Amino acid sequence: MQQKSKMKMLLVVVVVQFAAIILFFQLRSHRQGPSPEEEPGGRVHVLVLSSWRSGSSFVGQLFSQHPDVFYLMEPAWHVWEALSQGRAAALHMAVRDLVRSVFLCDMDVFDAYMGPGSRKQSSLFQWPVSRALCSPPACGLFQRDDIISQIDCNTVCGKAPFGVVEEACRSYSHVVVKEVRFFNLRVLYPLLTDPSLDLHVVHLVRDPRAVFHSREGTGDYLTRDTRIVLGRQWESTKEEDRPYRFMQAVCQSHTEIYEAARALPASLRGRYLLLRYEDLARAPLAQVSRLYNFTGLHFLPRLQLWVQNVTRGRGLGQHPFHTNARSALNVSQAWRWSLPYQKVVRLQNICKEAMALLGYRPVLSEQEQRDRSLDLLTATRPSQPSGPEP
């Protein structure tokens, strides 16, 4: 009985918090009229839509290092941190409202999750990975067209006041947000049709077998996120089965996002781009050029050189959450020689529909899994909802 009472009290607290946040946004929207930045025809807004351990941090860096881009990595982390007892679907609205505000460079939105006290730029989740927060006007450590090191930025720029985040955002032509906390495309329809936004969605997917293998190397880092995704299923699922139940949710979400993109009205289909991490690993220059064309960015020569260098390292990387020089191709295939075949079979059964839809071939034996000459990608990428490749 005591346990049930605690759960009820916890649920009440979450509901009250969530209601307060929604009221906060409603009051602010009535109080403030549209700013010049909210008028159509201004900035380009890009949402990198993916899931954990799918190469999204690297894709985020492809945008972050561009001198025309203001980039934030997973700002909705703050929503899930503040409302950690909620469920993913129930938090979608708060996540969407926060992302919209970031796109409009309205950083007061973080007051609902951090509090308006003595915040610094460093209060933002993973802020040093944003080149824009390590160069003027946010910080003078680098020039705006430099390729930056997040380690140097972390030690020098962390004391900058929080106000410089908004100031920096307003000085760029492109605002890019990377998020792993959306599980369907329909929740984004209000953003796709919002006249104050010019939203482009990059849907990044990765072979579920590789995602599962990568998650195994993260220890307890993702436990809270897994619990939020599983919701009520968390307690009723055995600990050893939770990674598979999580992957089932991820695969289902990718399927639903892709199917929803194909069902978009003709006027919106050109706002969606599907990108497989494995295609990026095989042909980085061609795929980055495709990304930049889609979002209206120029592929500058120094960025071409950086992409070549960062994707052609020799190893697999030494930290699961760092983006550094390593072999992207080796990373994309690492599961084939280190993931037990029994796990592979189970994953293939769980993610059968998503794998078929997104162009990942199953392996039918352990020998096929270890045979690196056997190509597990379909010959052609899944078709774009808009028709021909951009």
Protein backbone atom coordinates (compact mmCIF):
# COMPACT_ATOMS: atom_id res chain seq x y z
CA MET A 1 0.00 0.00 0.00
CA GLN A 2 2.80 2.37 0.87
CA GLN A 3 4.43 1.72 -2.52
CA LYS A 4 1.13 2.47 -4.33
CA SER A 5 0.73 5.73 -2.38
CA LYS A 6 4.21 6.83 -3.37
CA MET A 7 3.50 6.07 -7.03
CA LYS A 8 0.26 8.06 -6.91
CA MET A 9 1.99 11.03 -5.31
CA LEU A 10 4.76 10.87 -7.94
CA LEU A 11 2.19 10.82 -10.72
CA VAL A 12 0.44 13.87 -9.27
CA VAL A 13 3.76 15.77 -9.10
CA VAL A 14 4.55 14.97 -12.74
CA VAL A 15 1.08 16.04 -13.91
CA VAL A 16 1.30 19.31 -11.98
CA GLN A 17 4.76 20.03 -13.39
CA PHE A 18 3.61 19.32 -16.91
CA ALA A 19 0.50 21.51 -16.54
CA ALA A 20 2.61 24.36 -15.17
CA ILE A 21 4.95 24.17 -18.16
CA ILE A 22 2.07 24.24 -20.65
CA LEU A 23 0.56 27.25 -18.83
CA PHE A 24 3.96 28.97 -18.94
CA PHE A 25 4.09 28.68 -22.73
CA GLN A 26 0.47 29.78 -23.20
CA LEU A 27 0.91 32.90 -21.07
CA ARG A 28 4.12 33.83 -22.83
CA SER A 29 2.62 33.38 -26.31
CA HIS A 30 -0.27 35.74 -25.39
CA ARG A 31 2.12 38.25 -23.85
CA GLN A 32 4.59 38.42 -26.71
CA GLY A 33 3.82 39.28 -30.29
CA PRO A 34 5.85 37.81 -33.17
CA SER A 35 9.40 39.13 -33.38
CA PRO A 36 11.11 39.96 -36.69
CA GLU A 37 12.88 36.61 -36.50
CA GLU A 38 9.49 34.84 -36.51
CA GLU A 39 8.56 36.23 -39.91
CA PRO A 40 8.72 33.72 -42.81
CA GLY A 41 11.59 33.97 -45.28
CA GLY A 42 14.27 34.46 -42.62
CA ARG A 43 16.33 31.67 -41.14
CA VAL A 44 16.47 28.07 -42.25
CA HIS A 45 15.62 25.59 -39.48
CA VAL A 46 16.91 22.03 -39.52
CA LEU A 47 15.88 19.19 -37.22
CA VAL A 48 18.17 16.15 -37.22
CA LEU A 49 15.69 13.51 -36.13
CA SER A 50 17.21 10.24 -34.94
CA SER A 51 17.60 7.84 -32.01
CA TRP A 52 20.41 7.16 -29.55
CA ARG A 53 23.64 5.59 -30.89
CA SER A 54 22.72 6.13 -34.55
CA GLY A 55 25.57 8.46 -35.54
CA SER A 56 23.51 11.57 -34.80
CA SER A 57 26.30 13.27 -32.85
CA PHE A 58 28.52 13.04 -35.93
CA VAL A 59 25.77 14.33 -38.22
CA GLY A 60 25.23 17.14 -35.74
CA GLN A 61 28.90 18.05 -36.04
CA LEU A 62 28.60 18.16 -39.83
CA PHE A 63 26.22 21.05 -39.28
CA SER A 64 27.85 22.54 -36.18
CA GLN A 65 31.21 23.09 -37.82
CA HIS A 66 29.66 25.08 -40.66
CA PRO A 67 30.20 28.86 -40.18
CA ASP A 68 26.58 29.67 -41.11
CA VAL A 69 25.04 27.34 -38.51
CA PHE A 70 23.92 27.82 -34.92
CA TYR A 71 23.68 24.30 -33.50
CA LEU A 72 22.33 22.80 -30.29
CA MET A 73 22.59 19.14 -29.36
CA GLU A 74 19.49 17.61 -27.76
CA PRO A 75 18.07 20.63 -25.93
CA ALA A 76 15.07 18.46 -25.00
CA TRP A 77 17.38 16.64 -22.59
CA HIS A 78 16.32 19.37 -20.17
CA VAL A 79 12.65 18.40 -20.55
CA TRP A 80 13.35 14.76 -19.80
CA GLU A 81 15.64 15.73 -16.92
CA ALA A 82 12.97 17.90 -15.31
CA LEU A 83 10.11 15.47 -15.98
CA SER A 84 12.00 12.22 -15.68
CA GLN A 85 8.99 10.33 -14.32
CA GLY A 86 6.97 11.03 -17.46
CA ARG A 87 6.57 8.88 -20.54
CA ALA A 88 8.03 9.73 -23.94
CA ALA A 89 4.67 10.20 -25.68
CA ALA A 90 3.34 12.38 -22.85
CA LEU A 91 6.41 14.64 -23.08
CA HIS A 92 6.18 15.14 -26.86
CA MET A 93 4.28 18.43 -26.62
CA ALA A 94 6.74 19.99 -24.17
CA VAL A 95 9.67 18.80 -26.32
CA ARG A 96 8.09 20.22 -29.46
CA ASP A 97 7.42 23.61 -27.83
CA LEU A 98 10.97 23.83 -26.57
CA VAL A 99 12.42 22.98 -29.99
CA ARG A 100 10.21 25.58 -31.67
CA SER A 101 11.41 28.25 -29.24
CA VAL A 102 15.04 27.30 -29.89
CA PHE A 103 14.45 27.57 -33.64
CA LEU A 104 13.13 31.10 -33.02
CA CYS A 105 16.16 31.90 -30.82
CA ASP A 106 13.89 32.40 -27.80
CA MET A 107 16.03 30.92 -25.05
CA ASP A 108 13.71 32.02 -22.24
CA VAL A 109 12.07 28.64 -22.82
CA PHE A 110 14.77 27.07 -20.66
CA ASP A 111 13.46 28.98 -17.62
CA ALA A 112 10.78 26.30 -17.30
CA TYR A 113 13.40 23.58 -16.85
CA MET A 114 16.53 25.23 -15.41
CA GLY A 115 15.04 28.07 -13.41
CA PRO A 116 15.87 31.73 -14.15
CA GLY A 117 18.71 31.96 -11.62
CA SER A 118 22.42 32.47 -12.19
CA ARG A 119 22.69 30.32 -15.28
CA LYS A 120 25.70 30.25 -17.54
CA GLN A 121 26.11 29.17 -21.12
CA SER A 122 27.51 25.97 -19.64
CA SER A 123 24.06 25.19 -18.16
CA LEU A 124 23.04 23.86 -21.57
CA PHE A 125 23.36 20.13 -22.17
CA GLN A 126 26.49 19.29 -24.19
CA TRP A 127 27.04 22.95 -25.06
CA PRO A 128 30.78 22.65 -25.99
CA VAL A 129 29.92 20.62 -29.12
CA SER A 130 28.38 23.77 -30.60
CA ARG A 131 30.96 25.76 -32.57
CA ALA A 132 28.62 28.76 -32.37
CA LEU A 133 28.92 28.83 -28.56
CA CYS A 134 32.71 28.77 -28.75
CA SER A 135 33.10 31.73 -31.15
CA PRO A 136 31.84 35.34 -31.27
CA PRO A 137 29.53 36.70 -30.06
CA ALA A 138 29.18 33.89 -27.49
CA CYS A 139 32.92 33.46 -26.82
CA GLY A 140 36.12 34.72 -28.41
CA LEU A 141 38.13 31.50 -28.24
CA PHE A 142 37.72 30.64 -31.95
CA GLN A 143 36.89 32.56 -35.09
CA ARG A 144 33.48 31.84 -36.58
CA ASP A 145 34.97 29.94 -39.52
CA ASP A 146 37.32 27.75 -37.42
CA ILE A 147 36.98 24.01 -36.95
CA ILE A 148 36.78 23.79 -33.15
CA SER A 149 37.82 21.41 -30.40
CA GLN A 150 35.15 20.93 -27.75
CA ILE A 151 37.82 20.26 -25.11
CA ASP A 152 39.34 23.72 -25.56
CA CYS A 153 35.92 25.33 -25.65
CA ASN A 154 34.86 23.66 -22.41
CA THR A 155 37.77 25.08 -20.45
CA VAL A 156 37.57 28.66 -21.77
CA CYS A 157 33.95 29.49 -22.67
CA GLY A 158 31.97 27.87 -19.85
CA LYS A 159 31.60 31.06 -17.78
CA ALA A 160 29.90 33.05 -20.52
CA PRO A 161 26.47 34.39 -19.40
CA PHE A 162 23.38 32.58 -20.64
CA GLY A 163 22.22 35.62 -22.60
CA VAL A 164 24.94 35.14 -25.20
CA VAL A 165 23.21 31.94 -26.37
CA GLU A 166 20.25 33.89 -27.73
CA GLU A 167 22.50 36.64 -29.07
CA ALA A 168 24.59 34.10 -30.95
CA CYS A 169 21.56 32.26 -32.31
CA ARG A 170 20.15 35.45 -33.84
CA SER A 171 23.38 36.09 -35.74
CA TYR A 172 23.22 32.93 -37.92
CA SER A 173 21.27 32.12 -41.08
CA HIS A 174 20.68 28.46 -40.09
CA VAL A 175 19.53 27.05 -36.75
CA VAL A 176 20.07 23.29 -36.42
CA VAL A 177 18.81 21.10 -33.58
CA LYS A 178 19.67 17.43 -33.13
CA GLU A 179 17.02 15.46 -31.23
CA VAL A 180 16.49 11.83 -30.23
CA ARG A 181 13.28 12.41 -28.24
CA PHE A 182 10.65 12.44 -30.98
CA PHE A 183 9.06 9.09 -31.80
CA ASN A 184 6.66 10.07 -34.55
CA LEU A 185 6.45 12.66 -37.30
CA ARG A 186 2.85 13.67 -36.67
CA VAL A 187 3.80 15.54 -33.52
CA LEU A 188 5.99 17.72 -35.77
CA TYR A 189 3.21 18.68 -38.20
CA PRO A 190 2.57 21.99 -36.38
CA LEU A 191 6.25 22.89 -36.92
CA LEU A 192 6.27 21.81 -40.56
CA THR A 193 3.25 24.02 -41.26
CA ASP A 194 4.26 26.90 -38.98
CA PRO A 195 4.65 30.05 -41.18
CA SER A 196 7.33 31.40 -38.82
CA LEU A 197 9.57 28.39 -39.51
CA ASP A 198 11.36 27.10 -42.60
CA LEU A 199 11.77 23.61 -41.22
CA HIS A 200 13.75 20.83 -42.88
CA VAL A 201 13.78 17.37 -41.25
CA VAL A 202 16.79 15.08 -41.66
CA HIS A 203 15.71 11.60 -40.58
CA LEU A 204 18.86 9.68 -39.69
CA VAL A 205 18.60 5.89 -39.34
CA ARG A 206 21.13 3.16 -38.64
CA ASP A 207 21.17 -0.62 -38.80
CA PRO A 208 19.39 -1.77 -35.60
CA ARG A 209 22.07 -4.42 -35.04
CA ALA A 210 24.73 -1.70 -34.98
CA VAL A 211 22.62 0.49 -32.70
CA PHE A 212 22.15 -2.37 -30.24
CA HIS A 213 25.88 -3.14 -30.26
CA SER A 214 26.75 0.52 -29.68
CA ARG A 215 24.28 0.80 -26.79
CA GLU A 216 25.97 -2.14 -25.08
CA GLY A 217 29.10 -0.01 -24.76
CA THR A 218 27.40 2.88 -22.98
CA GLY A 219 27.02 1.28 -19.55
CA ASP A 220 24.36 3.01 -17.44
CA TYR A 221 24.44 6.31 -19.37
CA LEU A 222 21.13 5.65 -21.11
CA THR A 223 19.20 3.93 -18.31
CA ARG A 224 16.93 6.90 -17.56
CA ASP A 225 16.12 7.41 -21.24
CA THR A 226 15.34 3.72 -21.64
CA ARG A 227 12.99 3.89 -18.65
CA ILE A 228 11.13 6.88 -20.09
CA VAL A 229 10.80 5.20 -23.50
CA LEU A 230 9.48 1.95 -22.01
CA GLY A 231 7.13 3.74 -19.61
CA ARG A 232 4.86 1.30 -17.83
CA GLN A 233 6.66 -1.63 -19.46
CA TRP A 234 9.84 -0.86 -17.52
CA GLU A 235 8.77 -2.57 -14.30
CA SER A 236 7.08 -5.52 -16.02
CA THR A 237 10.06 -6.29 -18.28
CA LYS A 238 12.99 -8.38 -17.13
CA GLU A 239 16.25 -6.47 -16.98
CA GLU A 240 17.88 -8.63 -19.67
CA ASP A 241 14.89 -8.04 -21.99
CA ARG A 242 14.77 -4.25 -21.65
CA PRO A 243 17.39 -3.55 -24.37
CA TYR A 244 15.33 -5.57 -26.84
CA ARG A 245 12.06 -3.93 -25.83
CA PHE A 246 13.77 -0.56 -26.27
CA MET A 247 14.99 -1.52 -29.75
CA GLN A 248 11.48 -2.62 -30.64
CA ALA A 249 10.23 0.88 -29.75
CA VAL A 250 13.03 2.52 -31.77
CA CYS A 251 12.45 0.37 -34.85
CA GLN A 252 8.72 0.98 -34.69
CA SER A 253 9.29 4.73 -34.43
CA HIS A 254 11.56 4.79 -37.51
CA THR A 255 8.95 2.83 -39.45
CA GLU A 256 6.18 5.20 -38.42
CA ILE A 257 8.26 8.31 -39.17
CA TYR A 258 9.17 7.07 -42.65
CA GLU A 259 5.60 6.01 -43.46
CA ALA A 260 4.26 9.35 -42.19
CA ALA A 261 6.77 11.20 -44.39
CA ARG A 262 5.53 9.31 -47.44
CA ALA A 263 1.98 10.36 -46.54
CA LEU A 264 2.83 14.07 -46.22
CA PRO A 265 1.02 16.50 -48.51
CA ALA A 266 2.97 17.20 -51.70
CA SER A 267 3.81 20.70 -50.44
CA LEU A 268 5.68 19.26 -47.43
CA ARG A 269 7.43 16.21 -48.89
CA GLY A 270 10.45 18.23 -49.93
CA ARG A 271 10.99 19.13 -46.25
CA TYR A 272 12.01 15.56 -45.36
CA LEU A 273 15.28 13.76 -46.13
CA LEU A 274 16.08 10.17 -45.14
CA LEU A 275 19.75 9.46 -44.42
CA ARG A 276 21.23 6.08 -43.58
CA TYR A 277 24.35 6.24 -41.44
CA GLU A 278 25.91 3.44 -43.49
CA ASP A 279 25.59 5.47 -46.71
CA LEU A 280 27.31 8.37 -44.95
CA ALA A 281 30.10 6.04 -43.77
CA ARG A 282 30.67 4.67 -47.30
CA ALA A 283 30.58 7.95 -49.20
CA PRO A 284 30.97 10.80 -46.72
CA LEU A 285 31.69 13.60 -49.17
CA ALA A 286 28.76 12.72 -51.43
CA GLN A 287 26.33 12.35 -48.52
CA VAL A 288 27.44 15.56 -46.77
CA SER A 289 27.03 17.37 -50.08
CA ARG A 290 23.51 15.92 -50.24
CA LEU A 291 22.78 17.15 -46.70
CA TYR A 292 24.06 20.64 -47.43
CA ASN A 293 22.14 20.90 -50.70
CA PHE A 294 18.98 19.90 -48.87
CA THR A 295 19.45 22.64 -46.25
CA GLY A 296 20.88 25.38 -48.47
CA LEU A 297 24.47 25.32 -47.18
CA HIS A 298 27.67 25.54 -49.20
CA PHE A 299 30.16 22.67 -48.82
CA LEU A 300 33.26 24.78 -48.22
CA PRO A 301 36.70 23.33 -49.14
CA ARG A 302 37.97 23.37 -45.53
CA LEU A 303 34.88 21.44 -44.46
CA GLN A 304 35.45 18.89 -47.22
CA LEU A 305 38.98 18.35 -45.89
CA TRP A 306 37.71 18.05 -42.31
CA VAL A 307 35.07 15.49 -43.31
CA GLN A 308 37.71 13.43 -45.09
CA ASN A 309 40.00 13.50 -42.06
CA VAL A 310 37.35 12.78 -39.41
CA THR A 311 35.87 9.80 -41.28
CA ARG A 312 39.11 8.15 -42.32
CA GLY A 313 40.77 7.43 -38.98
CA ARG A 314 42.05 3.96 -38.19
CA GLY A 315 40.17 3.02 -35.05
CA LEU A 316 36.65 2.81 -33.64
CA GLY A 317 36.94 5.69 -31.17
CA GLN A 318 37.68 5.42 -27.47
CA HIS A 319 34.63 7.09 -25.94
CA PRO A 320 31.00 6.29 -26.85
CA PHE A 321 29.90 9.94 -26.76
CA HIS A 322 32.86 11.65 -28.46
CA THR A 323 33.09 12.49 -32.15
CA ASN A 324 36.68 12.27 -33.29
CA ALA A 325 38.85 10.93 -36.10
CA ARG A 326 38.01 7.28 -36.66
CA SER A 327 37.01 4.97 -39.46
CA ALA A 328 33.31 5.56 -40.04
CA LEU A 329 33.15 2.43 -42.17
CA ASN A 330 34.68 0.25 -39.43
CA VAL A 331 32.33 1.77 -36.86
CA SER A 332 29.31 0.99 -39.02
CA GLN A 333 30.36 -2.67 -39.36
CA ALA A 334 31.76 -3.36 -35.88
CA TRP A 335 28.70 -5.34 -34.78
CA ARG A 336 29.39 -8.01 -37.41
CA TRP A 337 32.45 -9.39 -35.65
CA SER A 338 31.58 -8.70 -32.01
CA LEU A 339 27.81 -9.16 -31.51
CA PRO A 340 26.78 -12.77 -30.72
CA TYR A 341 24.68 -14.31 -33.48
CA GLN A 342 21.90 -15.26 -31.03
CA LYS A 343 21.38 -11.58 -30.26
CA VAL A 344 21.45 -10.73 -33.95
CA VAL A 345 18.67 -13.23 -34.67
CA ARG A 346 16.50 -11.80 -31.92
CA LEU A 347 17.04 -8.23 -33.14
CA GLN A 348 16.24 -9.19 -36.72
CA ASN A 349 12.93 -10.67 -35.58
CA ILE A 350 12.07 -7.60 -33.50
CA CYS A 351 13.02 -5.09 -36.20
CA LYS A 352 12.03 -7.10 -39.28
CA GLU A 353 9.62 -4.50 -40.69
CA ALA A 354 11.95 -1.53 -40.17
CA MET A 355 14.94 -3.35 -41.65
CA ALA A 356 13.00 -4.31 -44.78
CA LEU A 357 11.60 -0.81 -45.19
CA LEU A 358 14.91 0.98 -44.67
CA GLY A 359 17.06 -1.39 -46.72
CA TYR A 360 18.96 -3.59 -44.23
CA ARG A 361 19.38 -7.24 -45.16
CA PRO A 362 19.20 -9.93 -42.46
CA VAL A 363 21.97 -12.47 -42.01
CA LEU A 364 20.82 -16.08 -42.11
CA SER A 365 23.80 -17.66 -40.38
CA GLU A 366 26.80 -16.77 -38.26
CA GLN A 367 28.97 -17.33 -41.32
CA GLU A 368 27.03 -14.67 -43.24
CA GLN A 369 27.36 -12.29 -40.31
CA ARG A 370 31.17 -12.64 -40.21
CA ASP A 371 31.58 -12.50 -44.01
CA ARG A 372 32.54 -8.88 -44.54
CA SER A 373 32.38 -9.26 -48.31
CA LEU A 374 28.62 -9.79 -48.02
CA ASP A 375 26.87 -6.45 -48.44
CA LEU A 376 23.98 -6.07 -46.01
CA LEU A 377 22.59 -2.87 -47.55
CA THR A 378 20.12 -2.95 -50.40
CA ALA A 379 21.56 -1.82 -53.70
CA THR A 380 19.54 1.40 -53.63
CA ARG A 381 18.48 3.59 -50.74
CA PRO A 382 14.80 3.71 -49.76
CA SER A 383 13.03 6.17 -52.02
CA GLN A 384 12.55 9.74 -50.87
CA PRO A 385 8.92 10.67 -50.24
CA SER A 386 9.41 13.64 -52.58
CA GLY A 387 10.45 11.34 -55.47
CA PRO A 388 13.89 11.80 -57.04
CA GLU A 389 16.92 12.45 -54.88
CA PRO A 390 17.52 16.14 -54.14
